[in-house]
Amino acid sequence: MKSPIAVLMAAGALGLAGCTPRIEVAAPKEPITINMNVKIEHEISVKVDKDVETLLKNRSDLF
C-alpha cells in the first residue's frame, strides 16, 4: 500500500508539470526594413580677439 504523502507528492508533481510556460520564437513573414536616411550637418565657428586677427593678417608667414 502506498503512503498518502507519496500519492499527494506525485499528484502535485504532475500538476506542476502541466503548468510549464511555452515560449515560441518565429521569424516574421515580411523582411525587416531599416531606414537609414540620416543627414548630418555641422558648422564650426572660431572667435578670435581683434589683436590676434590683425596679427594673423599682418604675419601671413605664420601658417
N, C-alpha and C. Protein backbone atom coordinates (compact mmCIF):
# COMPACT_ATOMS: atom_id res chain seq x y z
N MET A 1 0.84 -1.17 0.00
CA MET A 1 0.00 0.00 0.00
C MET A 1 0.89 1.24 0.00
N LYS A 2 0.57 2.18 -0.87
CA LYS A 2 1.34 3.40 -0.96
C LYS A 2 0.90 4.37 0.12
N SER A 3 1.86 5.13 0.60
CA SER A 3 1.51 6.11 1.63
C SER A 3 0.78 7.29 1.00
N PRO A 4 -0.11 7.92 1.72
CA PRO A 4 -0.87 9.05 1.18
C PRO A 4 0.03 10.25 0.84
N ILE A 5 1.12 10.38 1.54
CA ILE A 5 2.03 11.50 1.26
C ILE A 5 2.68 11.31 -0.10
N ALA A 6 3.09 10.09 -0.42
CA ALA A 6 3.72 9.82 -1.71
C ALA A 6 2.73 10.06 -2.85
N VAL A 7 1.48 9.69 -2.65
CA VAL A 7 0.45 9.89 -3.67
C VAL A 7 0.21 11.38 -3.88
N LEU A 8 0.16 12.15 -2.80
CA LEU A 8 -0.04 13.60 -2.90
C LEU A 8 1.16 14.27 -3.59
N MET A 9 2.36 13.83 -3.28
CA MET A 9 3.55 14.40 -3.89
C MET A 9 3.58 14.10 -5.39
N ALA A 10 3.21 12.89 -5.77
CA ALA A 10 3.19 12.52 -7.18
C ALA A 10 2.11 13.32 -7.91
N ALA A 11 0.97 13.51 -7.31
CA ALA A 11 -0.10 14.28 -7.93
C ALA A 11 0.31 15.75 -8.06
N GLY A 12 0.99 16.27 -7.05
CA GLY A 12 1.47 17.65 -7.10
C GLY A 12 2.51 17.84 -8.18
N ALA A 13 3.41 16.89 -8.34
CA ALA A 13 4.44 16.98 -9.37
C ALA A 13 3.82 16.94 -10.76
N LEU A 14 2.83 16.09 -10.95
CA LEU A 14 2.14 16.02 -12.24
C LEU A 14 1.36 17.30 -12.51
N GLY A 15 0.77 17.87 -11.48
CA GLY A 15 0.02 19.12 -11.64
C GLY A 15 0.94 20.28 -12.01
N LEU A 16 2.12 20.34 -11.40
CA LEU A 16 3.08 21.41 -11.71
C LEU A 16 3.70 21.21 -13.09
N ALA A 17 3.88 19.98 -13.51
CA ALA A 17 4.47 19.73 -14.82
C ALA A 17 3.55 20.18 -15.93
N GLY A 18 2.26 20.20 -15.70
CA GLY A 18 1.31 20.64 -16.71
C GLY A 18 1.24 22.15 -16.83
N CYS A 19 1.84 22.90 -15.91
CA CYS A 19 1.76 24.36 -15.90
C CYS A 19 3.04 25.03 -16.40
N THR A 20 3.90 24.31 -17.06
CA THR A 20 5.14 24.93 -17.53
C THR A 20 4.82 25.87 -18.69
N PRO A 21 5.41 27.06 -18.69
CA PRO A 21 5.13 28.02 -19.77
C PRO A 21 5.76 27.57 -21.09
N ARG A 22 5.14 27.97 -22.18
CA ARG A 22 5.61 27.59 -23.50
C ARG A 22 5.95 28.87 -24.26
N ILE A 23 7.16 28.95 -24.76
CA ILE A 23 7.62 30.13 -25.48
C ILE A 23 7.96 29.73 -26.90
N GLU A 24 7.43 30.49 -27.86
CA GLU A 24 7.72 30.23 -29.27
C GLU A 24 8.42 31.43 -29.88
N VAL A 25 9.41 31.16 -30.70
CA VAL A 25 10.10 32.21 -31.45
C VAL A 25 9.89 31.90 -32.93
N ALA A 26 9.29 32.85 -33.63
CA ALA A 26 9.00 32.64 -35.05
C ALA A 26 9.55 33.82 -35.84
N ALA A 27 10.04 33.54 -37.04
CA ALA A 27 10.53 34.60 -37.92
C ALA A 27 9.35 35.36 -38.51
N PRO A 28 9.52 36.67 -38.74
CA PRO A 28 8.42 37.43 -39.33
C PRO A 28 8.17 37.00 -40.78
N LYS A 29 6.94 37.21 -41.24
CA LYS A 29 6.59 36.82 -42.60
C LYS A 29 7.19 37.77 -43.62
N GLU A 30 7.34 39.06 -43.27
CA GLU A 30 7.93 40.05 -44.16
C GLU A 30 9.33 40.39 -43.66
N PRO A 31 10.23 40.75 -44.58
CA PRO A 31 11.59 41.09 -44.14
C PRO A 31 11.60 42.39 -43.32
N ILE A 32 12.58 42.51 -42.44
CA ILE A 32 12.73 43.70 -41.62
C ILE A 32 13.44 44.77 -42.44
N THR A 33 12.87 45.97 -42.48
CA THR A 33 13.44 47.08 -43.24
C THR A 33 13.92 48.14 -42.26
N ILE A 34 15.17 48.56 -42.42
CA ILE A 34 15.74 49.61 -41.58
C ILE A 34 16.04 50.80 -42.48
N ASN A 35 15.40 51.92 -42.20
CA ASN A 35 15.58 53.13 -42.99
C ASN A 35 16.70 53.96 -42.36
N MET A 36 17.78 54.14 -43.09
CA MET A 36 18.95 54.85 -42.56
C MET A 36 19.18 56.19 -43.26
N ASN A 37 18.12 56.91 -43.59
CA ASN A 37 18.26 58.22 -44.20
C ASN A 37 18.59 59.24 -43.12
N VAL A 38 19.87 59.52 -42.96
CA VAL A 38 20.33 60.43 -41.92
C VAL A 38 21.15 61.53 -42.57
N LYS A 39 20.84 62.76 -42.22
CA LYS A 39 21.58 63.90 -42.75
C LYS A 39 22.29 64.57 -41.58
N ILE A 40 23.61 64.65 -41.69
CA ILE A 40 24.42 65.24 -40.62
C ILE A 40 25.04 66.52 -41.16
N GLU A 41 24.79 67.60 -40.47
CA GLU A 41 25.39 68.88 -40.82
C GLU A 41 26.11 69.41 -39.60
N HIS A 42 27.23 70.05 -39.84
CA HIS A 42 27.94 70.68 -38.73
C HIS A 42 28.54 71.99 -39.21
N GLU A 43 28.73 72.87 -38.28
CA GLU A 43 29.29 74.18 -38.58
C GLU A 43 30.27 74.52 -37.46
N ILE A 44 31.45 74.93 -37.85
CA ILE A 44 32.48 75.29 -36.88
C ILE A 44 32.73 76.79 -36.99
N SER A 45 32.58 77.47 -35.91
CA SER A 45 32.87 78.91 -35.90
C SER A 45 33.94 79.19 -34.85
N VAL A 46 34.89 80.03 -35.23
CA VAL A 46 36.01 80.35 -34.34
C VAL A 46 35.98 81.85 -34.10
N LYS A 47 36.01 82.22 -32.85
CA LYS A 47 36.06 83.64 -32.49
C LYS A 47 37.47 83.95 -32.01
N VAL A 48 38.02 85.03 -32.52
CA VAL A 48 39.35 85.46 -32.09
C VAL A 48 39.28 86.93 -31.70
N ASP A 49 40.21 87.33 -30.87
CA ASP A 49 40.29 88.73 -30.48
C ASP A 49 40.76 89.56 -31.67
N LYS A 50 40.50 90.86 -31.60
CA LYS A 50 40.92 91.76 -32.67
C LYS A 50 42.44 91.76 -32.81
N ASP A 51 43.16 91.67 -31.69
CA ASP A 51 44.63 91.68 -31.74
C ASP A 51 45.16 90.45 -32.48
N VAL A 52 44.59 89.30 -32.19
CA VAL A 52 45.03 88.07 -32.84
C VAL A 52 44.66 88.11 -34.32
N GLU A 53 43.50 88.64 -34.63
CA GLU A 53 43.07 88.73 -36.01
C GLU A 53 44.01 89.63 -36.82
N THR A 54 44.38 90.76 -36.28
CA THR A 54 45.31 91.65 -37.00
C THR A 54 46.69 91.03 -37.11
N LEU A 55 47.12 90.31 -36.09
CA LEU A 55 48.41 89.62 -36.15
C LEU A 55 48.42 88.59 -37.26
N LEU A 56 47.33 87.84 -37.39
CA LEU A 56 47.25 86.83 -38.44
C LEU A 56 47.22 87.47 -39.83
N LYS A 57 46.58 88.62 -39.94
CA LYS A 57 46.55 89.31 -41.23
C LYS A 57 47.91 89.88 -41.60
N ASN A 58 48.59 90.42 -40.61
CA ASN A 58 49.90 91.04 -40.88
C ASN A 58 51.02 90.02 -41.06
N ARG A 59 50.94 88.93 -40.35
CA ARG A 59 52.00 87.91 -40.40
C ARG A 59 51.48 86.67 -41.13
N SER A 60 51.31 86.76 -42.40
CA SER A 60 50.78 85.64 -43.18
C SER A 60 51.77 84.47 -43.26
N ASP A 61 53.02 84.69 -42.87
CA ASP A 61 54.03 83.62 -42.92
C ASP A 61 53.94 82.67 -41.72
N LEU A 62 53.05 82.94 -40.78
CA LEU A 62 52.93 82.07 -39.61
C LEU A 62 52.36 80.69 -39.97
N PHE A 63 51.48 80.66 -40.93
CA PHE A 63 50.86 79.37 -41.28
C PHE A 63 51.14 79.04 -42.70
